[in-house]
Structure formats: structure tokens, C-alpha cells
């Protein structure tokens, strides 16, 4: 699902995408300047290998995701707070690509199965 950032306004624009057994559901909302706020929940089951015994297991997900998307290159102002910003250089945000990135970020963390805890 690709969304043109120019279509995002102060009225939240809902989205929902699925990948295997994972659902990424939330909304996009204009924040200020070139920044768009993304708030979403990542829920479902993620199939992962245990980092101790290497056995495959299903890890339940229930993550709150929140970051900003910049329409173009983001230049931090000295008055800006510290927050996560994803840059969109073509004026379009690909929600499936963001979902895949979030899944890979979770996979890269250390996780163990029930038997190894």
C-alpha cells in the first residue's frame, strides 16, 4: 500500500496491511512542516529462530509503533525534540516496506523460546 504524503492532512488517514500472521494497523496524520506522524500497532505471530537453541518458535507480537515521516530530507532544527524520522525522497510512503522494516528490526533483537528462558 503506497500513500502520497501530500494527501495526508490533520484528519488521520487510516491504514491496515498484513504479512503472513502479522497485522500493521494505524494512521498517518500531518504534524507540521514536512513531518507526518505515523502511529500504529503491530500484532500477530512472528516465526523466529531461538537465539540460544536455534529451534523455530512463534513469538507473539503486540508492539506500539510511533515515528515521523519526512516529505523530503529532514533537517533537524535546534529547537526540535529528539524523535525518529524516516525520510521519503519521492513523496510517497510504502506501508508494506515500513512493515517489513519493523519486522526485521524485531528479528534482529535477541529472543529465546520458552524452553530456553
PDB file of N, CA and C in Angstrom:
ATOM      1  N   UNK A   1       0.842  -1.166   0.000  1.00  0.00           N
ATOM      2  CA  UNK A   1       0.000   0.000   0.000  1.00  0.00           C
ATOM      3  C   UNK A   1       0.894   1.238   0.000  1.00  0.00           C
ATOM      4  N   UNK A   2       0.798   2.008  -1.050  1.00  0.00           N
ATOM      5  CA  UNK A   2       1.579   3.237  -1.149  1.00  0.00           C
ATOM      6  C   UNK A   2       0.642   4.428  -0.985  1.00  0.00           C
ATOM      7  N   UNK A   3       1.096   5.405  -0.209  1.00  0.00           N
ATOM      8  CA  UNK A   3       0.286   6.589   0.069  1.00  0.00           C
ATOM      9  C   UNK A   3       1.094   7.833  -0.270  1.00  0.00           C
ATOM     10  N   UNK A   4       0.495   8.730  -1.052  1.00  0.00           N
ATOM     11  CA  UNK A   4       1.132  10.006  -1.367  1.00  0.00           C
ATOM     12  C   UNK A   4       1.060  10.896  -0.135  1.00  0.00           C
ATOM     13  N   UNK A   5       2.196  11.407   0.307  1.00  0.00           N
ATOM     14  CA  UNK A   5       2.241  12.210   1.529  1.00  0.00           C
ATOM     15  C   UNK A   5       1.445  13.505   1.403  1.00  0.00           C
ATOM     16  N   UNK A   6       1.288  14.028   0.204  1.00  0.00           N
ATOM     17  CA  UNK A   6       0.532  15.270   0.027  1.00  0.00           C
ATOM     18  C   UNK A   6      -0.948  15.082   0.333  1.00  0.00           C
ATOM     19  N   UNK A   7      -1.411  13.814   0.380  1.00  0.00           N
ATOM     20  CA  UNK A   7      -2.808  13.532   0.691  1.00  0.00           C
ATOM     21  C   UNK A   7      -3.062  13.408   2.190  1.00  0.00           C
ATOM     22  N   UNK A   8      -2.000  13.432   2.991  1.00  0.00           N
ATOM     23  CA  UNK A   8      -2.148  13.302   4.440  1.00  0.00           C
ATOM     24  C   UNK A   8      -2.422  14.683   5.034  1.00  0.00           C
ATOM     25  N   UNK A   9      -3.497  14.766   5.829  1.00  0.00           N
ATOM     26  CA  UNK A   9      -3.900  16.039   6.433  1.00  0.00           C
ATOM     27  C   UNK A   9      -3.976  15.878   7.953  1.00  0.00           C
ATOM     28  N   UNK A  10      -4.538  16.869   8.613  1.00  0.00           N
ATOM     29  CA  UNK A  10      -4.743  16.801  10.069  1.00  0.00           C
ATOM     30  C   UNK A  10      -5.777  15.735  10.435  1.00  0.00           C
ATOM     31  N   UNK A  11      -6.617  15.359   9.473  1.00  0.00           N
ATOM     32  CA  UNK A  11      -7.563  14.268   9.690  1.00  0.00           C
ATOM     33  C   UNK A  11      -6.814  12.959   9.495  1.00  0.00           C
ATOM     34  N   UNK A  12      -6.764  12.100  10.513  1.00  0.00           N
ATOM     35  CA  UNK A  12      -5.997  10.859  10.398  1.00  0.00           C
ATOM     36  C   UNK A  12      -6.421  10.006   9.197  1.00  0.00           C
ATOM     37  N   UNK A  13      -5.425   9.493   8.486  1.00  0.00           N
ATOM     38  CA  UNK A  13      -5.639   8.620   7.336  1.00  0.00           C
ATOM     39  C   UNK A  13      -5.300   7.200   7.775  1.00  0.00           C
ATOM     40  N   UNK A  14      -6.339   6.360   7.929  1.00  0.00           N
ATOM     41  CA  UNK A  14      -6.163   5.008   8.434  1.00  0.00           C
ATOM     42  C   UNK A  14      -5.541   4.093   7.387  1.00  0.00           C
ATOM     43  N   UNK A  15      -4.780   3.102   7.882  1.00  0.00           N
ATOM     44  CA  UNK A  15      -4.231   2.063   7.009  1.00  0.00           C
ATOM     45  C   UNK A  15      -4.191   0.748   7.771  1.00  0.00           C
ATOM     46  N   UNK A  16      -4.174  -0.344   7.021  1.00  0.00           N
ATOM     47  CA  UNK A  16      -4.018  -1.679   7.593  1.00  0.00           C
ATOM     48  C   UNK A  16      -3.423  -2.583   6.518  1.00  0.00           C
ATOM     49  N   UNK A  17      -2.301  -3.208   6.846  1.00  0.00           N
ATOM     50  CA  UNK A  17      -1.679  -4.170   5.943  1.00  0.00           C
ATOM     51  C   UNK A  17      -1.328  -5.420   6.744  1.00  0.00           C
ATOM     52  N   UNK A  18      -1.279  -6.544   6.040  1.00  0.00           N
ATOM     53  CA  UNK A  18      -0.954  -7.814   6.681  1.00  0.00           C
ATOM     54  C   UNK A  18       0.173  -8.494   5.929  1.00  0.00           C
ATOM     55  N   UNK A  19       0.977  -9.228   6.685  1.00  0.00           N
ATOM     56  CA  UNK A  19       2.051 -10.028   6.120  1.00  0.00           C
ATOM     57  C   UNK A  19       2.121 -11.307   6.935  1.00  0.00           C
ATOM     58  N   UNK A  20       1.843 -12.429   6.302  1.00  0.00           N
ATOM     59  CA  UNK A  20       1.768 -13.722   6.991  1.00  0.00           C
ATOM     60  C   UNK A  20       0.772 -13.611   8.137  1.00  0.00           C
ATOM     61  N   UNK A  21       1.198 -13.760   9.362  1.00  0.00           N
ATOM     62  CA  UNK A  21       0.290 -13.698  10.505  1.00  0.00           C
ATOM     63  C   UNK A  21       0.435 -12.394  11.287  1.00  0.00           C
ATOM     64  N   UNK A  22       0.964 -11.350  10.643  1.00  0.00           N
ATOM     65  CA  UNK A  22       1.220 -10.075  11.318  1.00  0.00           C
ATOM     66  C   UNK A  22       0.361  -8.976  10.691  1.00  0.00           C
ATOM     67  N   UNK A  23      -0.265  -8.178  11.550  1.00  0.00           N
ATOM     68  CA  UNK A  23      -1.086  -7.054  11.099  1.00  0.00           C
ATOM     69  C   UNK A  23      -0.446  -5.748  11.556  1.00  0.00           C
ATOM     70  N   UNK A  24      -0.337  -4.796  10.621  1.00  0.00           N
ATOM     71  CA  UNK A  24       0.202  -3.456  10.879  1.00  0.00           C
ATOM     72  C   UNK A  24      -0.947  -2.491  10.632  1.00  0.00           C
ATOM     73  N   UNK A  25      -1.519  -1.949  11.715  1.00  0.00           N
ATOM     74  CA  UNK A  25      -2.713  -1.128  11.601  1.00  0.00           C
ATOM     75  C   UNK A  25      -2.510   0.178  12.358  1.00  0.00           C
ATOM     76  N   UNK A  26      -2.854   1.283  11.718  1.00  0.00           N
ATOM     77  CA  UNK A  26      -2.702   2.575  12.369  1.00  0.00           C
ATOM     78  C   UNK A  26      -3.176   3.703  11.483  1.00  0.00           C
ATOM     79  N   UNK A  27      -2.529   4.857  11.657  1.00  0.00           N
ATOM     80  CA  UNK A  27      -2.915   6.017  10.866  1.00  0.00           C
ATOM     81  C   UNK A  27      -1.723   6.938  10.628  1.00  0.00           C
ATOM     82  N   UNK A  28      -1.871   7.767   9.602  1.00  0.00           N
ATOM     83  CA  UNK A  28      -0.923   8.834   9.281  1.00  0.00           C
ATOM     84  C   UNK A  28      -1.645  10.153   9.511  1.00  0.00           C
ATOM     85  N   UNK A  29      -0.909  11.141  10.044  1.00  0.00           N
ATOM     86  CA  UNK A  29      -1.518  12.439  10.326  1.00  0.00           C
ATOM     87  C   UNK A  29      -0.464  13.531  10.145  1.00  0.00           C
ATOM     88  N   UNK A  30      -0.846  14.617   9.471  1.00  0.00           N
ATOM     89  CA  UNK A  30       0.062  15.744   9.295  1.00  0.00           C
ATOM     90  C   UNK A  30       0.437  16.306  10.655  1.00  0.00           C
ATOM     91  N   UNK A  31       1.744  16.557  10.861  1.00  0.00           N
ATOM     92  CA  UNK A  31       2.213  17.100  12.141  1.00  0.00           C
ATOM     93  C   UNK A  31       2.564  18.578  11.984  1.00  0.00           C
ATOM     94  N   UNK A  32       3.640  18.872  11.275  1.00  0.00           N
ATOM     95  CA  UNK A  32       3.997  20.260  10.947  1.00  0.00           C
ATOM     96  C   UNK A  32       5.127  20.258   9.928  1.00  0.00           C
ATOM     97  N   UNK A  33       5.277  21.360   9.225  1.00  0.00           N
ATOM     98  CA  UNK A  33       6.334  21.447   8.211  1.00  0.00           C
ATOM     99  C   UNK A  33       6.218  20.317   7.207  1.00  0.00           C
ATOM    100  N   UNK A  34       7.281  19.517   7.116  1.00  0.00           N
ATOM    101  CA  UNK A  34       7.284  18.374   6.202  1.00  0.00           C
ATOM    102  C   UNK A  34       7.109  17.055   6.941  1.00  0.00           C
ATOM    103  N   UNK A  35       6.672  17.111   8.204  1.00  0.00           N
ATOM    104  CA  UNK A  35       6.582  15.898   9.015  1.00  0.00           C
ATOM    105  C   UNK A  35       5.168  15.330   9.090  1.00  0.00           C
ATOM    106  N   UNK A  36       5.091  14.006   8.914  1.00  0.00           N
ATOM    107  CA  UNK A  36       3.863  13.244   9.022  1.00  0.00           C
ATOM    108  C   UNK A  36       4.045  12.266  10.188  1.00  0.00           C
ATOM    109  N   UNK A  37       3.089  12.220  11.102  1.00  0.00           N
ATOM    110  CA  UNK A  37       3.144  11.302  12.233  1.00  0.00           C
ATOM    111  C   UNK A  37       2.540   9.964  11.829  1.00  0.00           C
ATOM    112  N   UNK A  38       3.254   8.868  12.122  1.00  0.00           N
ATOM    113  CA  UNK A  38       2.722   7.527  11.938  1.00  0.00           C
ATOM    114  C   UNK A  38       2.557   6.917  13.323  1.00  0.00           C
ATOM    115  N   UNK A  39       1.340   6.490  13.641  1.00  0.00           N
ATOM    116  CA  UNK A  39       1.048   5.768  14.883  1.00  0.00           C
ATOM    117  C   UNK A  39       0.363   4.478  14.474  1.00  0.00           C
ATOM    118  N   UNK A  40       0.878   3.352  14.995  1.00  0.00           N
ATOM    119  CA  UNK A  40       0.320   2.068  14.591  1.00  0.00           C
ATOM    120  C   UNK A  40       0.576   1.006  15.652  1.00  0.00           C
ATOM    121  N   UNK A  41      -0.099  -0.112  15.469  1.00  0.00           N
ATOM    122  CA  UNK A  41       0.118  -1.299  16.291  1.00  0.00           C
ATOM    123  C   UNK A  41       0.545  -2.435  15.367  1.00  0.00           C
ATOM    124  N   UNK A  42       1.480  -3.214  15.849  1.00  0.00           N
ATOM    125  CA  UNK A  42       1.985  -4.382  15.133  1.00  0.00           C
ATOM    126  C   UNK A  42       1.589  -5.584  15.975  1.00  0.00           C
ATOM    127  N   UNK A  43       0.676  -6.418  15.463  1.00  0.00           N
ATOM    128  CA  UNK A  43       0.180  -7.549  16.235  1.00  0.00           C
ATOM    129  C   UNK A  43       0.236  -8.829  15.408  1.00  0.00           C
ATOM    130  N   UNK A  44       0.292  -9.953  16.102  1.00  0.00           N
ATOM    131  CA  UNK A  44       0.275 -11.245  15.432  1.00  0.00           C
ATOM    132  C   UNK A  44       1.355 -12.168  15.960  1.00  0.00           C
ATOM    133  N   UNK A  45       1.743 -13.118  15.128  1.00  0.00           N
ATOM    134  CA  UNK A  45       2.776 -14.088  15.477  1.00  0.00           C
ATOM    135  C   UNK A  45       3.920 -14.000  14.490  1.00  0.00           C
ATOM    136  N   UNK A  46       5.122 -13.922  15.015  1.00  0.00           N
ATOM    137  CA  UNK A  46       6.325 -13.855  14.194  1.00  0.00           C
ATOM    138  C   UNK A  46       7.095 -15.155  14.356  1.00  0.00           C
ATOM    139  N   UNK A  47       7.340 -15.844  13.250  1.00  0.00           N
ATOM    140  CA  UNK A  47       8.117 -17.074  13.266  1.00  0.00           C
ATOM    141  C   UNK A  47       9.598 -16.693  13.289  1.00  0.00           C
ATOM    142  N   UNK A  48      10.308 -17.145  14.340  1.00  0.00           N
ATOM    143  CA  UNK A  48      11.705 -16.753  14.531  1.00  0.00           C
ATOM    144  C   UNK A  48      12.496 -17.929  15.070  1.00  0.00           C
ATOM    145  N   UNK A  49      13.785 -17.947  14.822  1.00  0.00           N
ATOM    146  CA  UNK A  49      14.679 -18.942  15.398  1.00  0.00           C
ATOM    147  C   UNK A  49      15.150 -18.459  16.758  1.00  0.00           C
ATOM    148  N   UNK A  50      15.147 -19.367  17.731  1.00  0.00           N
ATOM    149  CA  UNK A  50      15.634 -19.055  19.074  1.00  0.00           C
ATOM    150  C   UNK A  50      17.127 -18.734  18.984  1.00  0.00           C
ATOM    151  N   UNK A  51      17.548 -17.696  19.666  1.00  0.00           N
ATOM    152  CA  UNK A  51      18.954 -17.286  19.625  1.00  0.00           C
ATOM    153  C   UNK A  51      19.844 -18.155  20.510  1.00  0.00           C
ATOM    154  N   UNK A  52      19.254 -19.080  21.274  1.00  0.00           N
ATOM    155  CA  UNK A  52      20.040 -19.988  22.112  1.00  0.00           C
ATOM    156  C   UNK A  52      20.130 -21.379  21.484  1.00  0.00           C
ATOM    157  N   UNK A  53      18.966 -21.996  21.209  1.00  0.00           N
ATOM    158  CA  UNK A  53      18.967 -23.375  20.707  1.00  0.00           C
ATOM    159  C   UNK A  53      18.743 -23.479  19.204  1.00  0.00           C
ATOM    160  N   UNK A  54      18.412 -22.386  18.542  1.00  0.00           N
ATOM    161  CA  UNK A  54      18.189 -22.302  17.091  1.00  0.00           C
ATOM    162  C   UNK A  54      16.913 -23.002  16.634  1.00  0.00           C
ATOM    163  N   UNK A  55      16.065 -23.419  17.567  1.00  0.00           N
ATOM    164  CA  UNK A  55      14.771 -24.004  17.197  1.00  0.00           C
ATOM    165  C   UNK A  55      13.814 -22.889  16.794  1.00  0.00           C
ATOM    166  N   UNK A  56      12.977 -23.198  15.812  1.00  0.00           N
ATOM    167  CA  UNK A  56      11.996 -22.225  15.345  1.00  0.00           C
ATOM    168  C   UNK A  56      10.837 -22.154  16.342  1.00  0.00           C
ATOM    169  N   UNK A  57      10.355 -20.930  16.626  1.00  0.00           N
ATOM    170  CA  UNK A  57       9.208 -20.755  17.504  1.00  0.00           C
ATOM    171  C   UNK A  57       8.405 -19.546  17.049  1.00  0.00           C
ATOM    172  N   UNK A  58       7.133 -19.519  17.462  1.00  0.00           N
ATOM    173  CA  UNK A  58       6.260 -18.390  17.153  1.00  0.00           C
ATOM    174  C   UNK A  58       6.273 -17.413  18.319  1.00  0.00           C
ATOM    175  N   UNK A  59       6.680 -16.206  18.016  1.00  0.00           N
ATOM    176  CA  UNK A  59       6.781 -15.163  19.025  1.00  0.00           C
ATOM    177  C   UNK A  59       5.572 -14.227  18.888  1.00  0.00           C
ATOM    178  N   UNK A  60       4.768 -14.074  19.947  1.00  0.00           N
ATOM    179  CA  UNK A  60       3.623 -13.154  19.857  1.00  0.00           C
ATOM    180  C   UNK A  60       4.092 -11.698  19.807  1.00  0.00           C
ATOM    181  N   UNK A  61       3.443 -10.920  18.953  1.00  0.00           N
ATOM    182  CA  UNK A  61       3.770  -9.502  18.815  1.00  0.00           C
ATOM    183  C   UNK A  61       2.591  -8.650  19.258  1.00  0.00           C
ATOM    184  N   UNK A  62       2.881  -7.604  19.993  1.00  0.00           N
ATOM    185  CA  UNK A  62       1.908  -6.575  20.344  1.00  0.00           C
ATOM    186  C   UNK A  62       2.719  -5.308  20.609  1.00  0.00           C
ATOM    187  N   UNK A  63       3.148  -4.669  19.532  1.00  0.00           N
ATOM    188  CA  UNK A  63       4.055  -3.513  19.619  1.00  0.00           C
ATOM    189  C   UNK A  63       3.339  -2.240  19.193  1.00  0.00           C
ATOM    190  N   UNK A  64       3.591  -1.176  19.929  1.00  0.00           N
ATOM    191  CA  UNK A  64       3.122   0.155  19.519  1.00  0.00           C
ATOM    192  C   UNK A  64       4.261   0.812  18.746  1.00  0.00           C
ATOM    193  N   UNK A  65       3.943   1.316  17.565  1.00  0.00           N
ATOM    194  CA  UNK A  65       4.935   1.930  16.692  1.00  0.00           C
ATOM    195  C   UNK A  65       4.569   3.404  16.527  1.00  0.00           C
ATOM    196  N   UNK A  66       5.564   4.277  16.705  1.00  0.00           N
ATOM    197  CA  UNK A  66       5.324   5.709  16.517  1.00  0.00           C
ATOM    198  C   UNK A  66       6.605   6.366  16.032  1.00  0.00           C
ATOM    199  N   UNK A  67       6.521   7.016  14.879  1.00  0.00           N
ATOM    200  CA  UNK A  67       7.641   7.790  14.359  1.00  0.00           C
ATOM    201  C   UNK A  67       7.123   8.796  13.343  1.00  0.00           C
ATOM    202  N   UNK A  68       8.003   9.631  12.869  1.00  0.00           N
ATOM    203  CA  UNK A  68       7.641  10.639  11.884  1.00  0.00           C
ATOM    204  C   UNK A  68       8.193  10.264  10.516  1.00  0.00           C
ATOM    205  N   UNK A  69       7.483  10.688   9.481  1.00  0.00           N
ATOM    206  CA  UNK A  69       7.938  10.526   8.105  1.00  0.00           C
ATOM    207  C   UNK A  69       8.126  11.931   7.556  1.00  0.00           C
ATOM    208  N   UNK A  70       9.305  12.177   7.002  1.00  0.00           N
ATOM    209  CA  UNK A  70       9.609  13.485   6.423  1.00  0.00           C
ATOM    210  C   UNK A  70       9.384  13.431   4.921  1.00  0.00           C
ATOM    211  N   UNK A  71       8.651  14.400   4.405  1.00  0.00           N
ATOM    212  CA  UNK A  71       8.451  14.510   2.959  1.00  0.00           C
ATOM    213  C   UNK A  71       9.673  15.230   2.397  1.00  0.00           C
ATOM    214  N   UNK A  72      10.713  14.466   2.113  1.00  0.00           N
ATOM    215  CA  UNK A  72      11.995  15.009   1.671  1.00  0.00           C
ATOM    216  C   UNK A  72      13.028  14.821   2.765  1.00  0.00           C
ATOM    217  N   UNK A  73      14.195  15.383   2.546  1.00  0.00           N
ATOM    218  CA  UNK A  73      15.284  15.250   3.513  1.00  0.00           C
ATOM    219  C   UNK A  73      14.943  16.047   4.771  1.00  0.00           C
ATOM    220  N   UNK A  74      15.145  15.409   5.916  1.00  0.00           N
ATOM    221  CA  UNK A  74      14.826  16.028   7.195  1.00  0.00           C
ATOM    222  C   UNK A  74      16.045  16.781   7.718  1.00  0.00           C
ATOM    223  N   UNK A  75      15.841  18.054   8.030  1.00  0.00           N
ATOM    224  CA  UNK A  75      16.891  18.884   8.625  1.00  0.00           C
ATOM    225  C   UNK A  75      16.446  19.236  10.036  1.00  0.00           C
ATOM    226  N   UNK A  76      17.198  18.763  11.004  1.00  0.00           N
ATOM    227  CA  UNK A  76      16.840  18.984  12.403  1.00  0.00           C
ATOM    228  C   UNK A  76      17.086  20.448  12.772  1.00  0.00           C
ATOM    229  N   UNK A  77      16.077  21.041  13.375  1.00  0.00           N
ATOM    230  CA  UNK A  77      16.168  22.390  13.906  1.00  0.00           C
ATOM    231  C   UNK A  77      16.681  22.274  15.343  1.00  0.00           C
ATOM    232  N   UNK A  78      17.421  23.255  15.819  1.00  0.00           N
ATOM    233  CA  UNK A  78      17.944  23.218  17.181  1.00  0.00           C
ATOM    234  C   UNK A  78      16.834  23.132  18.227  1.00  0.00           C
ATOM    235  N   UNK A  79      15.634  23.596  17.892  1.00  0.00           N
ATOM    236  CA  UNK A  79      14.515  23.561  18.825  1.00  0.00           C
ATOM    237  C   UNK A  79      13.751  22.240  18.784  1.00  0.00           C
ATOM    238  N   UNK A  80      14.062  21.380  17.795  1.00  0.00           N
ATOM    239  CA  UNK A  80      13.350  20.115  17.651  1.00  0.00           C
ATOM    240  C   UNK A  80      13.679  19.160  18.787  1.00  0.00           C
ATOM    241  N   UNK A  81      12.691  18.380  19.168  1.00  0.00           N
ATOM    242  CA  UNK A  81      12.908  17.318  20.137  1.00  0.00           C
ATOM    243  C   UNK A  81      13.595  16.160  19.408  1.00  0.00           C
ATOM    244  N   UNK A  82      14.118  15.232  20.184  1.00  0.00           N
ATOM    245  CA  UNK A  82      14.701  14.034  19.596  1.00  0.00           C
ATOM    246  C   UNK A  82      13.578  13.056  19.259  1.00  0.00           C
ATOM    247  N   UNK A  83      13.427  12.699  17.994  1.00  0.00           N
ATOM    248  CA  UNK A  83      12.467  11.674  17.620  1.00  0.00           C
ATOM    249  C   UNK A  83      12.935  10.973  16.363  1.00  0.00           C
ATOM    250  N   UNK A  84      12.355   9.800  16.127  1.00  0.00           N
ATOM    251  CA  UNK A  84      12.709   9.002  14.964  1.00  0.00           C
ATOM    252  C   UNK A  84      12.031   9.570  13.729  1.00  0.00           C
ATOM    253  N   UNK A  85      12.814   9.721  12.655  1.00  0.00           N
ATOM    254  CA  UNK A  85      12.282  10.251  11.402  1.00  0.00           C
ATOM    255  C   UNK A  85      12.736   9.357  10.261  1.00  0.00           C
ATOM    256  N   UNK A  86      11.768   8.951   9.434  1.00  0.00           N
ATOM    257  CA  UNK A  86      12.042   8.204   8.217  1.00  0.00           C
ATOM    258  C   UNK A  86      11.858   9.189   7.068  1.00  0.00           C
ATOM    259  N   UNK A  87      12.835   9.254   6.175  1.00  0.00           N
ATOM    260  CA  UNK A  87      12.757  10.204   5.057  1.00  0.00           C
ATOM    261  C   UNK A  87      12.145   9.544   3.826  1.00  0.00           C
ATOM    262  N   UNK A  88      11.222  10.247   3.184  1.00  0.00           N
ATOM    263  CA  UNK A  88      10.652   9.818   1.917  1.00  0.00           C
ATOM    264  C   UNK A  88      11.130  10.801   0.858  1.00  0.00           C
ATOM    265  N   UNK A  89      11.942  10.318  -0.060  1.00  0.00           N
ATOM    266  CA  UNK A  89      12.534  11.213  -1.052  1.00  0.00           C
ATOM    267  C   UNK A  89      11.675  11.376  -2.307  1.00  0.00           C
ATOM    268  N   UNK A  90      10.605  10.573  -2.423  1.00  0.00           N
ATOM    269  CA  UNK A  90       9.763  10.664  -3.613  1.00  0.00           C
ATOM    270  C   UNK A  90       8.329  11.094  -3.300  1.00  0.00           C
ATOM    271  N   UNK A  91       8.064  11.520  -2.050  1.00  0.00           N
ATOM    272  CA  UNK A  91       6.732  11.997  -1.686  1.00  0.00           C
ATOM    273  C   UNK A  91       5.715  10.897  -1.463  1.00  0.00           C
ATOM    274  N   UNK A  92       6.186   9.651  -1.406  1.00  0.00           N
ATOM    275  CA  UNK A  92       5.291   8.506  -1.227  1.00  0.00           C
ATOM    276  C   UNK A  92       5.817   7.648  -0.089  1.00  0.00           C
ATOM    277  N   UNK A  93       4.909   7.152   0.746  1.00  0.00           N
ATOM    278  CA  UNK A  93       5.294   6.218   1.804  1.00  0.00           C
ATOM    279  C   UNK A  93       4.717   4.852   1.447  1.00  0.00           C
ATOM    280  N   UNK A  94       5.570   3.833   1.524  1.00  0.00           N
ATOM    281  CA  UNK A  94       5.176   2.459   1.236  1.00  0.00           C
ATOM    282  C   UNK A  94       4.967   1.744   2.571  1.00  0.00           C
ATOM    283  N   UNK A  95       3.712   1.532   2.951  1.00  0.00           N
ATOM    284  CA  UNK A  95       3.379   0.950   4.246  1.00  0.00           C
ATOM    285  C   UNK A  95       3.905  -0.487   4.351  1.00  0.00           C
ATOM    286  N   UNK A  96       3.847  -1.262   3.264  1.00  0.00           N
ATOM    287  CA  UNK A  96       4.376  -2.631   3.298  1.00  0.00           C
ATOM    288  C   UNK A  96       5.880  -2.643   3.550  1.00  0.00           C
ATOM    289  N   UNK A  97       6.581  -1.679   2.987  1.00  0.00           N
ATOM    290  CA  UNK A  97       8.027  -1.573   3.215  1.00  0.00           C
ATOM    291  C   UNK A  97       8.328  -1.215   4.675  1.00  0.00           C
ATOM    292  N   UNK A  98       7.513  -0.328   5.252  1.00  0.00           N
ATOM    293  CA  UNK A  98       7.681   0.010   6.669  1.00  0.00           C
ATOM    294  C   UNK A  98       7.406  -1.202   7.556  1.00  0.00           C
ATOM    295  N   UNK A  99       6.379  -1.977   7.199  1.00  0.00           N
ATOM    296  CA  UNK A  99       6.075  -3.203   7.948  1.00  0.00           C
ATOM    297  C   UNK A  99       7.255  -4.174   7.892  1.00  0.00           C
ATOM    298  N   UNK A 100       7.793  -4.400   6.707  1.00  0.00           N
ATOM    299  CA  UNK A 100       8.937  -5.302   6.554  1.00  0.00           C
ATOM    300  C   UNK A 100      10.131  -4.811   7.370  1.00  0.00           C
ATOM    301  N   UNK A 101      10.362  -3.508   7.394  1.00  0.00           N
ATOM    302  CA  UNK A 101      11.466  -2.937   8.172  1.00  0.00           C
ATOM    303  C   UNK A 101      11.265  -3.153   9.661  1.00  0.00           C
ATOM    304  N   UNK A 102      10.047  -2.947  10.139  1.00  0.00           N
ATOM    305  CA  UNK A 102       9.757  -3.147  11.560  1.00  0.00           C
ATOM    306  C   UNK A 102       9.932  -4.613  11.956  1.00  0.00           C
ATOM    307  N   UNK A 103       9.494  -5.528  11.092  1.00  0.00           N
ATOM    308  CA  UNK A 103       9.665  -6.963  11.364  1.00  0.00           C
ATOM    309  C   UNK A 103      11.146  -7.312  11.444  1.00  0.00           C
ATOM    310  N   UNK A 104      11.939  -6.821  10.508  1.00  0.00           N
ATOM    311  CA  UNK A 104      13.380  -7.105  10.524  1.00  0.00           C
ATOM    312  C   UNK A 104      14.054  -6.505  11.756  1.00  0.00           C
ATOM    313  N   UNK A 105      13.594  -5.342  12.184  1.00  0.00           N
ATOM    314  CA  UNK A 105      14.131  -4.716  13.391  1.00  0.00           C
ATOM    315  C   UNK A 105      13.854  -5.583  14.624  1.00  0.00           C
ATOM    316  N   UNK A 106      12.653  -6.125  14.708  1.00  0.00           N
ATOM    317  CA  UNK A 106      12.300  -7.009  15.827  1.00  0.00           C
ATOM    318  C   UNK A 106      13.109  -8.300  15.752  1.00  0.00           C
ATOM    319  N   UNK A 107      13.242  -8.870  14.558  1.00  0.00           N
ATOM    320  CA  UNK A 107      14.012 -10.105  14.381  1.00  0.00           C
ATOM    321  C   UNK A 107      15.476  -9.931  14.779  1.00  0.00           C
ATOM    322  N   UNK A 108      16.025  -8.749  14.572  1.00  0.00           N
ATOM    323  CA  UNK A 108      17.442  -8.525  14.858  1.00  0.00           C
ATOM    324  C   UNK A 108      17.735  -8.462  16.358  1.00  0.00           C
ATOM    325  N   UNK A 109      16.692  -8.307  17.158  1.00  0.00           N
ATOM    326  CA  UNK A 109      16.871  -8.274  18.616  1.00  0.00           C
ATOM    327  C   UNK A 109      17.067  -9.698  19.124  1.00  0.00           C
ATOM    328  N   UNK A 110      17.470  -9.840  20.370  1.00  0.00           N
ATOM    329  CA  UNK A 110      17.717 -11.133  20.994  1.00  0.00           C
ATOM    330  C   UNK A 110      16.412 -11.706  21.524  1.00  0.00           C
ATOM    331  N   UNK A 111      16.043 -12.931  21.071  1.00  0.00           N
ATOM    332  CA  UNK A 111      14.815 -13.596  21.520  1.00  0.00           C
ATOM    333  C   UNK A 111      15.101 -15.067  21.763  1.00  0.00           C
ATOM    334  N   UNK A 112      14.475 -15.605  22.803  1.00  0.00           N
ATOM    335  CA  UNK A 112      14.637 -17.030  23.086  1.00  0.00           C
ATOM    336  C   UNK A 112      13.270 -17.693  23.241  1.00  0.00           C
ATOM    337  N   UNK A 113      13.225 -18.995  22.964  1.00  0.00           N
ATOM    338  CA  UNK A 113      11.986 -19.750  23.061  1.00  0.00           C
ATOM    339  C   UNK A 113      11.662 -20.047  24.530  1.00  0.00           C
ATOM    340  N   UNK A 114      10.485 -20.602  24.766  1.00  0.00           N
ATOM    341  CA  UNK A 114      10.034 -20.938  26.129  1.00  0.00           C
ATOM    342  C   UNK A 114      10.995 -21.898  26.813  1.00  0.00           C
ATOM    343  N   UNK A 115      11.521 -22.885  26.085  1.00  0.00           N
ATOM    344  CA  UNK A 115      12.421 -23.894  26.674  1.00  0.00           C
ATOM    345  C   UNK A 115      13.744 -23.301  27.148  1.00  0.00           C
ATOM    346  N   UNK A 116      14.175 -22.222  26.543  1.00  0.00           N
ATOM    347  CA  UNK A 116      15.490 -21.645  26.863  1.00  0.00           C
ATOM    348  C   UNK A 116      15.415 -20.482  27.857  1.00  0.00           C
ATOM    349  N   UNK A 117      14.240 -20.060  28.200  1.00  0.00           N
ATOM    350  CA  UNK A 117      14.107 -18.930  29.127  1.00  0.00           C
ATOM    351  C   UNK A 117      14.418 -19.326  30.528  1.00  0.00           C
TER     352      UNK A 117
END
